[in-house]
Amino acid sequence: MLRILGKRSVGLLPKTNKLSSRNFSAPVQYRKSNQTSSISAAKPWSVILAGVTLTSAVVYYIGSELFGSQSTTNIFSDAVDRIRASEEIVNVVGEPIKAHGEPR
């Protein structure tokens, strides 16, 4: 504990060795630069550009999976239409032919 008595401090603090404590005559001065580098100015725009690119890629992927000509939804719909058009399958299975997941 440290007790302060006037200007003199008394306590259990270790005494400093003159070799370990150094006096620095000049303090370090930091100057703020008015110029910004092109790299630090481009950082916010690169984050925005990366976000727009990633969002566009996700929207394209989902859209092509749902509405593309080779999507599983279109392949399923084409198969169901072919089954309904075939008289041979309709005679074996019977009417009405319903497909699971179909909105009709």
N, C-alpha and C. Protein backbone atom coordinates (compact mmCIF):
# COMPACT_ATOMS: atom_id res chain seq x y z
N MET A 1 0.83 -1.18 0.00
CA MET A 1 0.00 0.00 0.00
C MET A 1 0.87 1.23 0.00
N LEU A 2 0.32 2.27 -0.50
CA LEU A 2 1.05 3.52 -0.62
C LEU A 2 0.35 4.57 0.24
N ARG A 3 1.13 5.16 1.09
CA ARG A 3 0.59 6.25 1.90
C ARG A 3 1.29 7.52 1.48
N ILE A 4 0.52 8.54 1.28
CA ILE A 4 1.09 9.82 0.88
C ILE A 4 1.08 10.75 2.08
N LEU A 5 2.25 11.21 2.48
CA LEU A 5 2.37 12.15 3.58
C LEU A 5 3.00 13.42 3.05
N GLY A 6 2.17 14.35 2.75
CA GLY A 6 2.68 15.60 2.21
C GLY A 6 3.25 15.37 0.83
N LYS A 7 4.50 15.78 0.60
CA LYS A 7 5.15 15.59 -0.68
C LYS A 7 5.96 14.32 -0.72
N ARG A 8 6.07 13.64 0.39
CA ARG A 8 6.90 12.45 0.48
C ARG A 8 6.00 11.21 0.51
N SER A 9 6.29 10.26 -0.36
CA SER A 9 5.49 9.05 -0.39
C SER A 9 6.25 7.94 0.29
N VAL A 10 5.52 7.21 1.09
CA VAL A 10 6.11 6.11 1.83
C VAL A 10 5.25 4.88 1.53
N GLY A 11 5.89 3.77 1.26
CA GLY A 11 5.08 2.60 0.99
C GLY A 11 5.93 1.40 0.64
N LEU A 12 5.28 0.43 0.06
CA LEU A 12 5.94 -0.81 -0.27
C LEU A 12 6.36 -0.88 -1.74
N LEU A 13 6.42 0.25 -2.43
CA LEU A 13 6.84 0.25 -3.82
C LEU A 13 8.34 0.01 -3.90
N PRO A 14 8.78 -0.78 -4.90
CA PRO A 14 10.21 -1.02 -5.02
C PRO A 14 10.94 0.24 -5.46
N LYS A 15 12.15 0.36 -5.00
CA LYS A 15 12.95 1.52 -5.40
C LYS A 15 13.49 1.29 -6.79
N THR A 16 13.53 2.34 -7.58
CA THR A 16 14.02 2.21 -8.95
C THR A 16 15.53 2.31 -8.97
N ASN A 17 16.09 1.53 -9.84
CA ASN A 17 17.53 1.55 -10.02
C ASN A 17 17.86 2.62 -11.05
N LYS A 18 18.93 3.35 -10.84
CA LYS A 18 19.28 4.42 -11.76
C LYS A 18 19.64 3.89 -13.14
N LEU A 19 20.11 2.65 -13.22
CA LEU A 19 20.47 2.08 -14.51
C LEU A 19 19.24 1.68 -15.32
N SER A 20 18.20 1.28 -14.63
CA SER A 20 17.01 0.83 -15.35
C SER A 20 16.11 1.98 -15.75
N SER A 21 16.14 3.10 -15.08
CA SER A 21 15.30 4.23 -15.46
C SER A 21 16.13 5.21 -16.27
N ARG A 22 15.57 5.61 -17.40
CA ARG A 22 16.28 6.53 -18.28
C ARG A 22 15.48 7.81 -18.41
N ASN A 23 16.16 8.88 -18.56
CA ASN A 23 15.51 10.16 -18.80
C ASN A 23 15.60 10.46 -20.28
N PHE A 24 14.48 10.70 -20.88
CA PHE A 24 14.45 11.08 -22.27
C PHE A 24 14.28 12.59 -22.33
N SER A 25 15.14 13.23 -23.06
CA SER A 25 15.12 14.68 -23.08
C SER A 25 14.06 15.24 -24.01
N ALA A 26 13.81 14.57 -25.14
CA ALA A 26 12.85 15.11 -26.11
C ALA A 26 11.66 14.17 -26.23
N PRO A 27 10.47 14.68 -26.01
CA PRO A 27 9.29 13.83 -26.19
C PRO A 27 9.05 13.57 -27.68
N VAL A 28 8.39 12.47 -27.96
CA VAL A 28 8.08 12.13 -29.34
C VAL A 28 6.90 12.97 -29.80
N GLN A 29 7.05 13.57 -30.96
CA GLN A 29 5.99 14.41 -31.50
C GLN A 29 5.38 13.71 -32.70
N TYR A 30 4.08 13.59 -32.68
CA TYR A 30 3.36 12.99 -33.78
C TYR A 30 2.67 14.08 -34.57
N ARG A 31 2.88 14.04 -35.87
CA ARG A 31 2.23 15.01 -36.74
C ARG A 31 1.19 14.30 -37.58
N LYS A 32 0.04 14.87 -37.66
CA LYS A 32 -1.01 14.31 -38.47
C LYS A 32 -0.82 14.78 -39.91
N SER A 33 -0.81 13.80 -40.81
CA SER A 33 -0.59 14.13 -42.21
C SER A 33 -1.91 14.55 -42.84
N ASN A 34 -1.86 15.54 -43.69
CA ASN A 34 -3.05 16.00 -44.39
C ASN A 34 -3.33 15.12 -45.61
N GLN A 35 -2.34 14.39 -46.08
CA GLN A 35 -2.50 13.56 -47.26
C GLN A 35 -2.90 12.15 -46.83
N THR A 36 -3.86 11.59 -47.56
CA THR A 36 -4.24 10.21 -47.33
C THR A 36 -3.70 9.39 -48.48
N SER A 37 -3.23 8.23 -48.18
CA SER A 37 -2.69 7.39 -49.23
C SER A 37 -3.83 6.83 -50.07
N SER A 38 -3.52 6.44 -51.29
CA SER A 38 -4.55 5.91 -52.18
C SER A 38 -5.07 4.57 -51.69
N ILE A 39 -4.24 3.81 -50.97
CA ILE A 39 -4.68 2.52 -50.44
C ILE A 39 -5.72 2.71 -49.35
N SER A 40 -5.48 3.63 -48.43
CA SER A 40 -6.45 3.85 -47.35
C SER A 40 -7.72 4.51 -47.87
N ALA A 41 -7.63 5.27 -48.95
CA ALA A 41 -8.83 5.89 -49.52
C ALA A 41 -9.66 4.87 -50.28
N ALA A 42 -9.03 3.82 -50.79
CA ALA A 42 -9.74 2.83 -51.59
C ALA A 42 -10.37 1.73 -50.75
N LYS A 43 -10.03 1.61 -49.49
CA LYS A 43 -10.54 0.53 -48.66
C LYS A 43 -12.07 0.51 -48.55
N PRO A 44 -12.74 1.62 -48.26
CA PRO A 44 -14.20 1.55 -48.16
C PRO A 44 -14.86 1.14 -49.47
N TRP A 45 -14.34 1.63 -50.59
CA TRP A 45 -14.93 1.28 -51.89
C TRP A 45 -14.69 -0.17 -52.24
N SER A 46 -13.56 -0.72 -51.83
CA SER A 46 -13.29 -2.12 -52.14
C SER A 46 -14.21 -3.03 -51.33
N VAL A 47 -14.54 -2.65 -50.12
CA VAL A 47 -15.47 -3.44 -49.31
C VAL A 47 -16.87 -3.39 -49.92
N ILE A 48 -17.28 -2.22 -50.37
CA ILE A 48 -18.59 -2.08 -51.00
C ILE A 48 -18.64 -2.87 -52.30
N LEU A 49 -17.58 -2.80 -53.10
CA LEU A 49 -17.53 -3.52 -54.37
C LEU A 49 -17.54 -5.03 -54.13
N ALA A 50 -16.82 -5.49 -53.12
CA ALA A 50 -16.82 -6.92 -52.80
C ALA A 50 -18.21 -7.38 -52.35
N GLY A 51 -18.90 -6.57 -51.57
CA GLY A 51 -20.25 -6.91 -51.12
C GLY A 51 -21.24 -6.97 -52.26
N VAL A 52 -21.16 -6.01 -53.18
CA VAL A 52 -22.05 -6.00 -54.34
C VAL A 52 -21.77 -7.21 -55.23
N THR A 53 -20.50 -7.54 -55.42
CA THR A 53 -20.13 -8.69 -56.25
C THR A 53 -20.64 -9.98 -55.64
N LEU A 54 -20.44 -10.15 -54.35
CA LEU A 54 -20.89 -11.37 -53.67
C LEU A 54 -22.42 -11.49 -53.70
N THR A 55 -23.11 -10.40 -53.47
CA THR A 55 -24.57 -10.41 -53.51
C THR A 55 -25.08 -10.75 -54.91
N SER A 56 -24.45 -10.18 -55.93
CA SER A 56 -24.84 -10.47 -57.31
C SER A 56 -24.62 -11.94 -57.65
N ALA A 57 -23.51 -12.51 -57.19
CA ALA A 57 -23.23 -13.91 -57.46
C ALA A 57 -24.26 -14.81 -56.79
N VAL A 58 -24.65 -14.51 -55.58
CA VAL A 58 -25.65 -15.32 -54.87
C VAL A 58 -27.01 -15.22 -55.55
N VAL A 59 -27.41 -14.02 -55.95
CA VAL A 59 -28.70 -13.84 -56.63
C VAL A 59 -28.70 -14.58 -57.96
N TYR A 60 -27.59 -14.51 -58.71
CA TYR A 60 -27.51 -15.22 -59.99
C TYR A 60 -27.60 -16.73 -59.79
N TYR A 61 -26.89 -17.24 -58.80
CA TYR A 61 -26.90 -18.68 -58.55
C TYR A 61 -28.29 -19.18 -58.17
N ILE A 62 -28.96 -18.48 -57.28
CA ILE A 62 -30.30 -18.88 -56.86
C ILE A 62 -31.28 -18.76 -58.03
N GLY A 63 -31.18 -17.69 -58.81
CA GLY A 63 -32.06 -17.51 -59.96
C GLY A 63 -31.85 -18.57 -61.02
N SER A 64 -30.60 -18.94 -61.28
CA SER A 64 -30.35 -19.97 -62.29
C SER A 64 -30.79 -21.35 -61.81
N GLU A 65 -30.72 -21.59 -60.51
CA GLU A 65 -31.20 -22.88 -59.99
C GLU A 65 -32.72 -22.97 -60.03
N LEU A 66 -33.40 -21.89 -59.79
CA LEU A 66 -34.86 -21.94 -59.75
C LEU A 66 -35.50 -21.77 -61.12
N PHE A 67 -34.96 -20.90 -61.97
CA PHE A 67 -35.64 -20.53 -63.20
C PHE A 67 -34.87 -20.89 -64.47
N GLY A 68 -33.71 -21.49 -64.37
CA GLY A 68 -32.91 -21.84 -65.54
C GLY A 68 -33.50 -23.02 -66.28
N SER A 69 -33.06 -23.22 -67.55
CA SER A 69 -33.59 -24.31 -68.36
C SER A 69 -33.11 -25.67 -67.87
N GLN A 70 -31.96 -25.73 -67.21
CA GLN A 70 -31.44 -26.99 -66.69
C GLN A 70 -31.62 -27.10 -65.18
N SER A 71 -32.53 -26.32 -64.63
CA SER A 71 -32.77 -26.41 -63.18
C SER A 71 -33.56 -27.67 -62.86
N THR A 72 -33.42 -28.13 -61.64
CA THR A 72 -34.12 -29.34 -61.23
C THR A 72 -35.64 -29.15 -61.26
N THR A 73 -36.10 -27.94 -61.05
CA THR A 73 -37.53 -27.66 -61.08
C THR A 73 -38.08 -27.84 -62.50
N ASN A 74 -37.36 -27.31 -63.48
CA ASN A 74 -37.81 -27.45 -64.87
C ASN A 74 -37.69 -28.90 -65.35
N ILE A 75 -36.66 -29.59 -64.96
CA ILE A 75 -36.50 -31.00 -65.35
C ILE A 75 -37.65 -31.82 -64.76
N PHE A 76 -38.01 -31.56 -63.52
CA PHE A 76 -39.12 -32.25 -62.87
C PHE A 76 -40.44 -31.95 -63.59
N SER A 77 -40.67 -30.70 -63.92
CA SER A 77 -41.91 -30.32 -64.61
C SER A 77 -42.00 -30.96 -65.99
N ASP A 78 -40.88 -31.00 -66.71
CA ASP A 78 -40.86 -31.64 -68.04
C ASP A 78 -41.16 -33.14 -67.92
N ALA A 79 -40.59 -33.80 -66.91
CA ALA A 79 -40.83 -35.23 -66.72
C ALA A 79 -42.29 -35.51 -66.41
N VAL A 80 -42.89 -34.69 -65.57
CA VAL A 80 -44.31 -34.88 -65.22
C VAL A 80 -45.18 -34.64 -66.45
N ASP A 81 -44.86 -33.64 -67.24
CA ASP A 81 -45.63 -33.39 -68.46
C ASP A 81 -45.52 -34.56 -69.44
N ARG A 82 -44.36 -35.16 -69.56
CA ARG A 82 -44.18 -36.31 -70.46
C ARG A 82 -44.96 -37.53 -69.96
N ILE A 83 -44.96 -37.71 -68.63
CA ILE A 83 -45.72 -38.83 -68.06
C ILE A 83 -47.21 -38.64 -68.30
N ARG A 84 -47.73 -37.46 -68.14
CA ARG A 84 -49.15 -37.19 -68.37
C ARG A 84 -49.51 -37.33 -69.84
N ALA A 85 -48.57 -37.04 -70.72
CA ALA A 85 -48.84 -37.12 -72.16
C ALA A 85 -48.82 -38.56 -72.67
N SER A 86 -48.16 -39.44 -71.94
CA SER A 86 -48.05 -40.83 -72.38
C SER A 86 -49.32 -41.61 -72.01
N GLU A 87 -50.01 -42.15 -73.03
CA GLU A 87 -51.25 -42.90 -72.78
C GLU A 87 -50.95 -44.21 -72.08
N GLU A 88 -49.81 -44.79 -72.39
CA GLU A 88 -49.44 -46.07 -71.81
C GLU A 88 -49.30 -45.98 -70.29
N ILE A 89 -48.63 -44.91 -69.81
CA ILE A 89 -48.43 -44.73 -68.37
C ILE A 89 -49.73 -44.35 -67.69
N VAL A 90 -50.56 -43.55 -68.36
CA VAL A 90 -51.85 -43.15 -67.78
C VAL A 90 -52.74 -44.38 -67.61
N ASN A 91 -52.70 -45.33 -68.58
CA ASN A 91 -53.51 -46.54 -68.46
C ASN A 91 -53.03 -47.42 -67.31
N VAL A 92 -51.72 -47.48 -67.07
CA VAL A 92 -51.18 -48.32 -66.00
C VAL A 92 -51.42 -47.67 -64.64
N VAL A 93 -51.11 -46.40 -64.52
CA VAL A 93 -51.18 -45.71 -63.23
C VAL A 93 -52.61 -45.24 -62.94
N GLY A 94 -53.29 -44.74 -63.93
CA GLY A 94 -54.64 -44.22 -63.75
C GLY A 94 -54.66 -42.71 -63.62
N GLU A 95 -55.86 -42.18 -63.68
CA GLU A 95 -56.05 -40.74 -63.57
C GLU A 95 -56.46 -40.40 -62.15
N PRO A 96 -56.28 -39.29 -61.61
CA PRO A 96 -55.39 -38.19 -62.01
C PRO A 96 -53.95 -38.48 -61.56
N ILE A 97 -53.01 -38.01 -62.32
CA ILE A 97 -51.60 -38.14 -61.98
C ILE A 97 -51.17 -36.85 -61.30
N LYS A 98 -50.77 -36.97 -60.08
CA LYS A 98 -50.30 -35.80 -59.33
C LYS A 98 -48.84 -36.00 -58.97
N ALA A 99 -48.08 -34.94 -59.05
CA ALA A 99 -46.66 -35.00 -58.71
C ALA A 99 -46.44 -34.24 -57.41
N HIS A 100 -45.59 -34.78 -56.56
CA HIS A 100 -45.33 -34.15 -55.26
C HIS A 100 -44.57 -32.85 -55.47
N GLY A 101 -45.01 -31.79 -54.83
CA GLY A 101 -44.33 -30.50 -54.93
C GLY A 101 -44.81 -29.66 -56.07
N GLU A 102 -45.80 -30.14 -56.78
CA GLU A 102 -46.33 -29.40 -57.91
C GLU A 102 -47.42 -28.45 -57.43
N PRO A 103 -47.46 -27.23 -57.94
CA PRO A 103 -48.45 -26.27 -57.46
C PRO A 103 -49.87 -26.53 -57.95
N ARG A 104 -50.08 -27.40 -58.93
CA ARG A 104 -51.43 -27.62 -59.50
C ARG A 104 -52.29 -28.46 -58.61
